[in-house]
Amino acid sequence: MSEPAPPQPDAVPPRPAGPRDAAPDPRPYDALLLLSFGGPEGPDDVVPFLENVTRGRGIPRERLKEVGRHYFLFGGVSPINAQNRALLDAIRADFAGHGLDLPVYWGNRNWAPYLTDTLREMTDAGHRRILVLATSAYASYSGCRQYRENLAASLAALAEEGRPLPRVDKLRHYFNHPGFVEPVVESTLAALERLPERVRDGARLAFTTHSIPLTAADTSGPVEGHGDGGAYVAQHLDVARLVAGAVREATGADRPWELVYQSRSGAPQIPWLEPDICDHLEEQHAAGAPAVVMVPIGFVSDHMEVRYDLDTEAVAKAAELGLPVSRAATVGADPRFAAAIRDLVLERAAGERGLTPARCALGALGPSHDICPAGCCPARTPLPAAAGTD
């Protein structure tokens, strides 16, 4: 299902000649929206936040309290909101430093600042062409299509209020942009350096990402790539190869590596992507690996899935095994990532103006699509979605 097509914008008027011609041109866009998952910022927020995440699934409040123990171990505070604030600061600083006049806003799916409130603020400020950056680099239902559904639902709420609706477009997947990959390479090398010298040369690499149901993986990305893990697995494997190759060049060691998964949830009878990181650590220990570096390529920042599932659970499993481990940092607010976002904004804006900009991408897969095609990352229950073909 799709939402009604918004009215087509007027043609972009020519810009008068003058000094501004050299400035980065974001037209036709007049704002950027950072769209993220959200997280609790205190103990009293944990259960209401989880109620938002699980709405419609009928999960009892007592069960949510049990699920929320991960957050309570960290004072009821998810790191994700502070990390998004840092990313906002980095993007704004990069834009200002390069003369890009484009305001940046932030809205969440599950916690304040809520997406609908942010879009209302943007609409009231007069913004009518909005680019969206989701804090998920890869194709999947929960990492792309669901955010598009959230956008459509928020736009519908604004329509019910009688507000003029902006047109929203979503930036392409950026998993293989140099500004995403290069900080991962650097953090992997730093994680290797933190290992004891006696095990460093033989350390193996475990690239981690969020496990999802096999059916969701197999139908991720455009229809022509469905099956056998879909775009979700293919994109992660492409990044893993890039990082492993760069680490090999930097260290001179050809290290065994594997893509593994973490943070599984849901009914146990439903098959999800495997192996789990803790099972993988057991396998590596049994195979005689001297050490493992965990590289969370599936995550933009060190949020709860990283801080708990890797830094707490996986580290505890490694200690139990006597296996030295180190964890690479995520991209976070790295200046190179902020610069990549600027590059993606200007690339999309130029394309909207009918130009053919260079599209940066590393690896074998090339740059992703700008507009999600029909059948891309389908939902089990179809809902209206913005910024796509269907």
Protein backbone atom coordinates (compact mmCIF):
# COMPACT_ATOMS: atom_id res chain seq x y z
CA MET A 1 0.00 0.00 0.00
CA SER A 2 1.19 3.52 -0.62
CA GLU A 3 0.22 6.94 0.55
CA PRO A 4 -1.32 9.41 -1.93
CA ALA A 5 1.37 11.04 -4.02
CA PRO A 6 2.23 14.52 -2.75
CA PRO A 7 1.87 17.43 -5.13
CA GLN A 8 4.95 17.82 -7.31
CA PRO A 9 7.12 20.77 -6.31
CA ASP A 10 7.65 23.68 -8.63
CA ALA A 11 10.81 23.65 -10.69
CA VAL A 12 13.87 24.88 -8.84
CA PRO A 13 14.38 28.50 -9.92
CA PRO A 14 17.78 29.48 -11.30
CA ARG A 15 20.12 30.95 -8.75
CA PRO A 16 21.40 34.46 -9.47
CA ALA A 17 25.07 34.62 -10.35
CA GLY A 18 27.36 35.73 -7.57
CA PRO A 19 29.54 34.52 -4.68
CA ARG A 20 26.95 31.96 -3.52
CA ASP A 21 27.49 29.92 -6.69
CA ALA A 22 30.47 28.28 -5.05
CA ALA A 23 28.49 27.25 -1.97
CA PRO A 24 27.14 23.69 -1.59
CA ASP A 25 23.63 23.60 -3.03
CA PRO A 26 21.03 21.55 -1.12
CA ARG A 27 18.13 22.65 -3.31
CA PRO A 28 15.34 21.58 -3.57
CA TYR A 29 15.69 20.45 0.05
CA ASP A 30 15.22 22.89 2.89
CA ALA A 31 15.90 20.65 5.93
CA LEU A 32 17.46 17.35 7.02
CA LEU A 33 15.75 15.05 9.52
CA LEU A 34 17.79 12.57 11.58
CA LEU A 35 15.38 9.67 12.19
CA SER A 36 16.25 7.14 14.89
CA PHE A 37 14.89 4.47 17.22
CA GLY A 38 14.92 6.37 20.52
CA GLY A 39 15.58 5.11 24.02
CA PRO A 40 14.76 5.74 27.69
CA GLU A 41 16.60 8.46 29.56
CA GLY A 42 15.81 7.35 33.11
CA PRO A 43 14.40 4.39 35.09
CA ASP A 44 10.82 5.68 34.89
CA ASP A 45 11.08 5.77 31.09
CA VAL A 46 12.03 2.13 30.58
CA VAL A 47 8.66 0.38 30.67
CA PRO A 48 6.76 3.13 28.78
CA PHE A 49 9.50 3.03 26.14
CA LEU A 50 9.20 -0.75 25.82
CA GLU A 51 5.42 -0.38 25.58
CA ASN A 52 5.99 1.88 22.59
CA VAL A 53 8.40 -0.60 21.01
CA THR A 54 6.04 -3.57 21.48
CA ARG A 55 2.69 -1.83 20.96
CA GLY A 56 0.09 -4.15 19.51
CA ARG A 57 1.81 -7.38 20.57
CA GLY A 58 -0.07 -7.84 23.85
CA ILE A 59 3.03 -8.25 26.03
CA PRO A 60 2.20 -7.93 29.76
CA ARG A 61 3.74 -5.04 31.69
CA GLU A 62 5.47 -7.45 34.09
CA ARG A 63 7.20 -9.12 31.17
CA LEU A 64 8.36 -5.72 29.93
CA LYS A 65 9.91 -5.02 33.34
CA GLU A 66 11.88 -8.25 32.98
CA VAL A 67 12.95 -7.35 29.43
CA GLY A 68 13.99 -3.91 30.67
CA ARG A 69 16.65 -5.28 33.02
CA HIS A 70 19.30 -4.49 30.40
CA TYR A 71 18.40 -0.81 30.68
CA PHE A 72 18.20 -0.89 34.48
CA LEU A 73 21.80 -2.16 34.57
CA PHE A 74 22.72 1.19 33.00
CA GLY A 75 20.58 3.33 35.29
CA GLY A 76 17.58 3.13 32.98
CA VAL A 77 19.38 5.22 30.37
CA SER A 78 19.96 4.10 26.81
CA PRO A 79 23.11 5.57 25.27
CA ILE A 80 21.38 6.17 21.93
CA ASN A 81 19.88 9.59 22.60
CA ALA A 82 23.17 11.10 23.80
CA GLN A 83 24.87 9.57 20.78
CA ASN A 84 22.29 11.06 18.44
CA ARG A 85 22.84 14.46 20.04
CA ALA A 86 26.57 14.07 19.40
CA LEU A 87 25.86 13.08 15.78
CA LEU A 88 23.58 16.10 15.37
CA ASP A 89 26.36 18.35 16.64
CA ALA A 90 28.85 16.74 14.26
CA ILE A 91 26.54 17.11 11.24
CA ARG A 92 25.73 20.73 12.06
CA ALA A 93 29.41 21.53 12.57
CA ASP A 94 30.34 19.88 9.27
CA PHE A 95 27.58 21.69 7.38
CA ALA A 96 28.56 25.04 8.89
CA GLY A 97 32.24 24.45 8.20
CA HIS A 98 31.54 23.78 4.53
CA GLY A 99 29.00 26.52 3.93
CA LEU A 100 26.01 24.19 3.64
CA ASP A 101 22.96 26.13 4.79
CA LEU A 102 20.57 23.35 5.77
CA PRO A 103 18.92 23.06 9.20
CA VAL A 104 19.07 19.65 10.88
CA TYR A 105 16.30 18.22 13.07
CA TRP A 106 15.92 14.98 15.04
CA GLY A 107 12.93 12.69 15.61
CA ASN A 108 12.51 9.15 17.00
CA ARG A 109 10.26 6.18 16.39
CA ASN A 110 9.80 5.16 20.04
CA TRP A 111 10.75 8.01 22.39
CA ALA A 112 11.10 11.75 22.65
CA PRO A 113 11.69 13.68 20.54
CA TYR A 114 8.92 11.82 18.72
CA LEU A 115 8.87 11.87 14.93
CA THR A 116 5.39 13.39 14.65
CA ASP A 117 6.32 16.23 17.00
CA THR A 118 9.49 16.94 15.03
CA LEU A 119 7.70 16.92 11.67
CA ARG A 120 5.09 19.27 13.13
CA GLU A 121 7.87 21.61 14.24
CA MET A 122 9.48 21.44 10.81
CA THR A 123 6.20 22.09 9.02
CA ASP A 124 5.40 25.03 11.29
CA ALA A 125 8.84 26.43 10.47
CA GLY A 126 7.93 26.37 6.78
CA HIS A 127 9.92 23.36 5.60
CA ARG A 128 8.36 21.63 2.58
CA ARG A 129 11.14 19.47 1.12
CA ILE A 130 12.75 17.29 3.77
CA LEU A 131 15.56 14.76 3.41
CA VAL A 132 15.63 11.94 5.96
CA LEU A 133 18.71 10.21 7.36
CA ALA A 134 17.83 6.99 9.21
CA THR A 135 20.33 5.65 11.73
CA SER A 136 20.42 2.31 9.94
CA ALA A 137 22.92 1.81 7.15
CA TYR A 138 21.46 -1.36 5.62
CA ALA A 139 18.34 -2.64 3.88
CA SER A 140 15.77 -4.44 6.04
CA TYR A 141 12.17 -4.03 7.13
CA SER A 142 13.02 -2.67 10.60
CA GLY A 143 15.96 -0.60 9.33
CA CYS A 144 14.26 1.00 6.32
CA ARG A 145 10.66 0.12 5.44
CA GLN A 146 9.42 0.52 9.01
CA TYR A 147 10.94 4.01 9.20
CA ARG A 148 9.12 4.82 5.97
CA GLU A 149 5.90 3.58 7.56
CA ASN A 150 6.60 5.78 10.59
CA LEU A 151 6.99 8.77 8.26
CA ALA A 152 3.70 8.01 6.52
CA ALA A 153 1.88 7.67 9.85
CA SER A 154 3.29 10.98 11.11
CA LEU A 155 2.37 12.76 7.87
CA ALA A 156 -1.16 11.35 8.15
CA ALA A 157 -1.39 12.74 11.70
CA LEU A 158 -0.32 16.16 10.46
CA ALA A 159 -2.88 15.96 7.66
CA GLU A 160 -5.62 15.29 10.22
CA GLU A 161 -4.51 18.48 11.99
CA GLY A 162 -4.94 20.41 8.77
CA ARG A 163 -1.27 21.21 8.33
CA PRO A 164 0.34 21.50 4.91
CA LEU A 165 2.33 18.34 4.23
CA PRO A 166 6.00 18.42 3.29
CA ARG A 167 7.46 16.04 0.77
CA VAL A 168 9.93 13.68 2.44
CA ASP A 169 12.71 11.74 0.72
CA LYS A 170 15.03 9.25 2.38
CA LEU A 171 18.78 9.16 1.79
CA ARG A 172 20.13 5.98 0.23
CA HIS A 173 21.73 3.21 2.26
CA TYR A 174 25.24 4.27 3.21
CA PHE A 175 26.82 1.01 4.43
CA ASN A 176 29.52 1.16 1.73
CA HIS A 177 30.20 4.89 1.70
CA PRO A 178 33.88 5.59 2.47
CA GLY A 179 32.85 7.85 5.36
CA PHE A 180 31.19 4.86 7.03
CA VAL A 181 33.72 2.16 6.16
CA GLU A 182 36.95 4.02 6.89
CA PRO A 183 36.17 4.77 10.57
CA VAL A 184 35.30 1.08 11.02
CA VAL A 185 38.68 0.07 9.61
CA GLU A 186 40.44 2.48 11.96
CA SER A 187 38.49 1.29 15.01
CA THR A 188 39.20 -2.35 14.14
CA LEU A 189 42.92 -1.64 14.00
CA ALA A 190 42.66 0.16 17.35
CA ALA A 191 40.83 -2.83 18.86
CA LEU A 192 43.60 -5.13 17.66
CA GLU A 193 46.16 -2.90 19.37
CA ARG A 194 44.29 -3.27 22.68
CA LEU A 195 44.80 -7.04 22.65
CA PRO A 196 47.81 -8.52 24.43
CA GLU A 197 50.74 -8.60 22.04
CA ARG A 198 51.15 -12.36 22.38
CA VAL A 199 47.71 -13.02 20.79
CA ARG A 200 47.41 -10.00 18.48
CA ASP A 201 48.86 -11.48 15.30
CA GLY A 202 46.57 -14.50 15.40
CA ALA A 203 43.38 -12.67 16.39
CA ARG A 204 40.31 -13.38 14.31
CA LEU A 205 37.58 -10.93 13.31
CA ALA A 206 33.90 -11.36 14.16
CA PHE A 207 31.75 -8.84 12.29
CA THR A 208 28.47 -8.47 14.15
CA THR A 209 25.03 -7.14 13.33
CA HIS A 210 21.48 -7.43 14.62
CA SER A 211 19.93 -10.81 13.95
CA ILE A 212 16.57 -10.69 12.18
CA PRO A 213 14.12 -13.45 11.18
CA LEU A 214 15.22 -15.41 8.12
CA THR A 215 12.05 -14.42 6.29
CA ALA A 216 12.85 -10.73 6.87
CA ALA A 217 16.43 -11.22 5.70
CA ASP A 218 15.43 -13.17 2.59
CA THR A 219 13.00 -10.42 1.51
CA SER A 220 15.27 -7.47 2.30
CA GLY A 221 16.14 -5.09 -0.51
CA PRO A 222 14.74 -5.06 -4.06
CA VAL A 223 12.73 -8.08 -5.21
CA GLU A 224 15.36 -9.27 -7.67
CA GLY A 225 17.77 -9.87 -4.76
CA HIS A 226 15.35 -11.75 -2.51
CA GLY A 227 16.35 -15.14 -1.14
CA ASP A 228 19.35 -16.53 0.77
CA GLY A 229 19.71 -13.60 3.17
CA GLY A 230 18.67 -10.94 0.68
CA ALA A 231 20.29 -7.52 0.59
CA TYR A 232 20.69 -7.46 4.38
CA VAL A 233 23.26 -10.25 4.46
CA ALA A 234 24.87 -9.30 1.12
CA GLN A 235 25.48 -5.71 2.25
CA HIS A 236 26.99 -6.76 5.57
CA LEU A 237 29.25 -9.28 3.83
CA ASP A 238 30.42 -6.58 1.44
CA VAL A 239 31.40 -4.29 4.33
CA ALA A 240 33.07 -7.17 6.20
CA ARG A 241 35.21 -7.97 3.14
CA LEU A 242 36.19 -4.31 2.78
CA VAL A 243 37.21 -3.99 6.42
CA ALA A 244 39.00 -7.34 6.55
CA GLY A 245 40.92 -6.45 3.39
CA ALA A 246 41.96 -3.06 4.74
CA VAL A 247 43.05 -4.61 8.04
CA ARG A 248 45.09 -7.20 6.15
CA GLU A 249 46.84 -4.45 4.19
CA ALA A 250 47.58 -2.48 7.36
CA THR A 251 48.83 -5.41 9.48
CA GLY A 252 50.20 -7.86 6.95
CA ALA A 253 48.14 -10.65 8.54
CA ASP A 254 45.42 -12.51 6.63
CA ARG A 255 42.95 -13.06 9.47
CA PRO A 256 40.01 -15.49 9.38
CA TRP A 257 36.72 -13.61 9.71
CA GLU A 258 33.01 -14.34 9.85
CA LEU A 259 29.72 -12.42 9.85
CA VAL A 260 27.84 -13.28 13.06
CA TYR A 261 24.70 -12.04 14.74
CA GLN A 262 23.46 -10.74 18.07
CA SER A 263 20.47 -9.28 19.94
CA ARG A 264 17.96 -11.91 18.84
CA SER A 265 14.44 -11.51 20.24
CA GLY A 266 11.06 -13.04 19.52
CA ALA A 267 9.55 -16.50 19.60
CA PRO A 268 12.16 -19.29 19.75
CA GLN A 269 10.41 -21.38 17.09
CA ILE A 270 10.94 -18.67 14.45
CA PRO A 271 14.30 -19.11 12.66
CA TRP A 272 16.63 -16.09 12.84
CA LEU A 273 20.03 -15.39 11.32
CA GLU A 274 22.86 -17.32 13.01
CA PRO A 275 25.41 -17.91 14.48
CA ASP A 276 24.99 -15.85 17.62
CA ILE A 277 28.13 -14.05 18.78
CA CYS A 278 28.36 -16.02 22.03
CA ASP A 279 28.06 -19.34 20.18
CA HIS A 280 30.69 -18.09 17.74
CA LEU A 281 33.09 -17.29 20.59
CA GLU A 282 32.67 -20.83 21.90
CA GLU A 283 33.39 -22.22 18.43
CA GLN A 284 36.48 -20.04 18.02
CA HIS A 285 37.81 -21.06 21.42
CA ALA A 286 37.27 -24.74 20.60
CA ALA A 287 39.08 -24.23 17.27
CA GLY A 288 42.11 -22.78 19.04
CA ALA A 289 41.70 -19.11 18.14
CA PRO A 290 44.09 -17.06 20.30
CA ALA A 291 41.78 -13.99 20.38
CA VAL A 292 38.76 -12.40 18.70
CA VAL A 293 38.02 -8.80 17.76
CA MET A 294 34.28 -8.03 17.66
CA VAL A 295 33.45 -5.46 14.98
CA PRO A 296 29.82 -4.22 15.18
CA ILE A 297 29.42 -3.14 11.55
CA GLY A 298 25.63 -3.35 11.78
CA PHE A 299 25.32 -0.41 14.17
CA VAL A 300 25.87 3.31 13.72
CA SER A 301 26.57 3.99 17.40
CA ASP A 302 27.43 2.23 20.67
CA HIS A 303 23.82 1.91 21.84
CA MET A 304 22.29 -0.74 24.09
CA GLU A 305 22.70 -3.66 21.69
CA VAL A 306 26.43 -2.92 21.64
CA ARG A 307 26.91 -1.93 25.27
CA TYR A 308 24.96 -4.88 26.71
CA ASP A 309 24.98 -7.68 24.12
CA LEU A 310 28.67 -7.26 23.27
CA ASP A 311 30.36 -5.36 26.10
CA THR A 312 28.46 -7.24 28.81
CA GLU A 313 27.17 -10.63 27.61
CA ALA A 314 29.78 -11.47 24.96
CA VAL A 315 32.67 -10.22 27.09
CA ALA A 316 31.38 -12.36 29.98
CA LYS A 317 31.23 -15.40 27.71
CA ALA A 318 34.80 -14.76 26.53
CA ALA A 319 36.01 -14.42 30.13
CA GLU A 320 34.32 -17.71 30.98
CA LEU A 321 36.18 -19.34 28.08
CA GLY A 322 39.49 -17.62 28.82
CA LEU A 323 39.42 -16.14 25.32
CA PRO A 324 40.90 -12.63 24.92
CA VAL A 325 38.50 -10.30 23.11
CA SER A 326 38.40 -6.66 22.12
CA ARG A 327 35.53 -4.66 20.67
CA ALA A 328 35.88 -2.11 17.89
CA ALA A 329 34.05 1.19 18.26
CA THR A 330 31.12 2.04 16.00
CA VAL A 331 31.17 5.02 13.64
CA GLY A 332 29.22 7.27 16.03
CA ALA A 333 29.86 10.98 15.46
CA ASP A 334 33.13 10.52 13.58
CA PRO A 335 33.81 13.62 11.43
CA ARG A 336 34.23 11.39 8.37
CA PHE A 337 30.71 10.07 8.87
CA ALA A 338 29.34 13.60 9.21
CA ALA A 339 31.16 14.50 5.98
CA ALA A 340 29.63 11.42 4.31
CA ILE A 341 26.17 12.65 5.29
CA ARG A 342 26.93 16.01 3.67
CA ASP A 343 28.10 14.18 0.56
CA LEU A 344 24.90 12.10 0.44
CA VAL A 345 22.71 15.18 0.91
CA LEU A 346 24.40 17.06 -1.93
CA GLU A 347 24.37 13.97 -4.14
CA ARG A 348 20.62 13.49 -3.72
CA ALA A 349 19.91 17.20 -4.12
CA ALA A 350 21.88 17.34 -7.37
CA GLY A 351 19.98 14.33 -8.68
CA GLU A 352 16.68 15.98 -7.84
CA ARG A 353 17.79 18.99 -9.88
CA GLY A 354 18.38 16.75 -12.90
CA LEU A 355 22.16 16.52 -12.60
CA THR A 356 24.28 13.34 -12.58
CA PRO A 357 26.49 13.58 -9.49
CA ALA A 358 29.30 11.20 -8.59
CA ARG A 359 27.99 8.58 -6.14
CA CYS A 360 30.64 7.38 -3.69
CA ALA A 361 30.62 3.69 -2.80
CA LEU A 362 33.25 1.06 -2.01
CA GLY A 363 33.07 -2.68 -2.53
CA ALA A 364 31.28 -4.88 -5.04
CA LEU A 365 27.67 -3.73 -4.68
CA GLY A 366 27.92 -0.10 -5.75
CA PRO A 367 25.69 2.74 -4.55
CA SER A 368 22.20 1.82 -3.40
CA HIS A 369 18.94 3.09 -4.89
CA ASP A 370 17.62 6.53 -4.00
CA ILE A 371 13.96 5.48 -3.98
CA CYS A 372 12.90 2.12 -2.54
CA PRO A 373 11.29 0.11 -5.35
CA ALA A 374 8.02 -1.80 -5.08
CA GLY A 375 8.36 -4.98 -3.01
CA CYS A 376 11.51 -3.77 -1.22
CA CYS A 377 11.69 -5.04 2.42
CA PRO A 378 7.96 -5.89 2.58
CA ALA A 379 5.99 -5.87 5.83
CA ARG A 380 4.03 -8.88 7.06
CA THR A 381 1.02 -6.57 7.30
CA PRO A 382 1.19 -3.93 4.56
CA LEU A 383 0.98 -0.35 5.79
CA PRO A 384 1.29 2.97 3.97
CA ALA A 385 4.91 4.07 3.59
CA ALA A 386 6.44 7.39 2.55
CA ALA A 387 9.58 8.03 0.48
CA GLY A 388 9.26 4.98 -1.74
CA THR A 389 7.43 3.44 -4.68
CA ASP A 390 5.02 1.46 -2.50
